[in-house]
Protein backbone atom coordinates (compact mmCIF):
# COMPACT_ATOMS: atom_id res chain seq x y z
CA MET A 1 99.60 84.80 131.88
CA SER A 2 99.73 87.96 133.84
CA LEU A 3 102.14 90.88 132.45
CA GLU A 4 103.45 92.92 134.70
CA LYS A 5 104.52 96.64 134.10
CA ALA A 6 108.18 95.89 133.25
CA ASP A 7 107.02 93.32 130.69
CA ILE A 8 105.20 95.85 128.79
CA GLU A 9 108.13 98.18 129.43
CA LYS A 10 110.29 95.57 127.38
CA ILE A 11 108.09 94.41 124.99
CA ALA A 12 107.27 98.08 123.89
CA HIS A 13 111.31 98.60 123.84
CA LEU A 14 111.79 95.86 121.68
CA ALA A 15 108.83 96.74 119.11
CA ARG A 16 110.63 100.04 119.10
CA LEU A 17 107.00 101.55 120.59
CA GLY A 18 106.86 105.07 122.33
CA ILE A 19 103.60 104.08 124.92
CA ASP A 20 102.51 106.59 127.62
CA PRO A 21 103.19 106.11 131.11
CA GLY A 22 99.36 106.07 131.51
CA ASP A 23 98.37 103.77 128.84
CA VAL A 24 100.53 100.59 130.24
CA PRO A 25 97.83 98.78 132.54
CA VAL A 26 95.61 98.55 129.70
CA TYR A 27 98.22 97.52 127.67
CA ALA A 28 99.02 94.99 130.16
CA ARG A 29 95.56 93.94 130.78
CA ASN A 30 94.85 93.42 126.63
CA LEU A 31 98.28 91.52 125.95
CA SER A 32 97.60 89.21 129.05
CA GLY A 33 93.76 88.51 127.85
CA ILE A 34 95.87 87.32 124.32
CA LEU A 35 98.46 85.27 125.80
CA ASP A 36 95.37 83.87 127.79
CA LEU A 37 93.17 83.05 124.94
CA VAL A 38 96.51 81.37 123.35
CA GLU A 39 97.19 79.08 126.24
CA ARG A 40 93.30 78.39 126.46
CA MET A 41 93.63 77.34 122.62
CA GLU A 42 96.88 75.28 123.31
CA ARG A 43 94.75 73.42 125.69
CA VAL A 44 92.48 72.08 122.67
CA GLY A 45 92.75 68.40 121.98
CA THR A 46 93.29 68.31 118.20
CA ASP A 47 94.17 64.55 118.11
CA GLY A 48 92.71 62.95 115.13
CA VAL A 49 91.94 66.59 113.16
CA PRO A 50 93.41 66.37 109.82
CA PRO A 51 95.25 69.70 108.66
CA MET A 52 93.39 72.02 106.23
CA ALA A 53 95.07 74.29 103.81
CA HIS A 54 91.60 76.71 104.25
CA PRO A 55 89.07 76.61 107.09
CA LEU A 56 86.41 76.78 104.45
CA GLN A 57 85.45 73.71 102.18
CA MET A 58 85.04 75.36 99.13
CA VAL A 59 87.06 74.80 95.30
CA GLN A 60 88.73 77.78 94.21
CA ARG A 61 87.05 79.10 90.99
CA LEU A 62 90.25 79.45 88.84
CA ARG A 63 89.91 81.21 85.07
CA VAL A 64 91.12 79.18 81.94
CA ASP A 65 94.91 79.44 81.46
CA GLU A 66 94.94 80.73 78.03
CA VAL A 67 96.50 83.62 75.67
CA THR A 68 94.55 86.79 75.22
CA GLU A 69 96.93 89.20 74.50
CA THR A 70 99.44 89.21 71.33
CA ASN A 71 102.93 88.89 71.32
CA GLN A 72 104.12 92.13 71.21
CA CYS A 73 107.94 91.69 72.26
CA ASP A 74 109.27 92.92 68.78
CA LYS A 75 107.39 96.26 69.02
CA PHE A 76 108.63 97.30 72.63
CA GLN A 77 112.38 95.98 71.83
CA GLN A 78 112.48 98.40 69.03
CA ILE A 79 112.23 101.58 71.00
CA ALA A 80 114.83 100.03 73.97
CA PRO A 81 117.42 101.90 74.47
CA GLN A 82 119.96 98.81 74.40
CA VAL A 83 118.02 95.13 73.33
CA GLU A 84 120.62 91.63 72.86
CA ALA A 85 119.23 88.16 71.91
CA GLY A 86 115.92 88.86 72.71
CA LEU A 87 116.81 90.76 76.53
CA TYR A 88 116.77 93.99 77.66
CA LEU A 89 120.04 95.49 78.69
CA VAL A 90 120.45 97.95 81.49
CA PRO A 91 123.30 99.60 83.47
CA LYS A 92 124.78 97.73 86.14
CA VAL A 93 123.92 98.79 89.30
CA ILE A 94 125.83 96.36 91.75
CA GLU A 95 129.65 96.10 91.47
């Protein structure tokens, strides 16, 4: 797919980008190359290829889910301006 000067100007306007008129041919060539690559990728046969969550066949290392700190909620609520039923009260900001 080959983009014209008008296409680049329209894309720049929609993206709110200021492009120097002298750079339009460079942008047209680069964006056309990207769109050509996408077209070629769409033609690749993917029938029978299972979908993957990640391109690498690796298992994510996870840490053990265990509590490592003591509960200090009461200590922090003692210095809070307003607390009710274990919750911090804050001023209303949206009416």
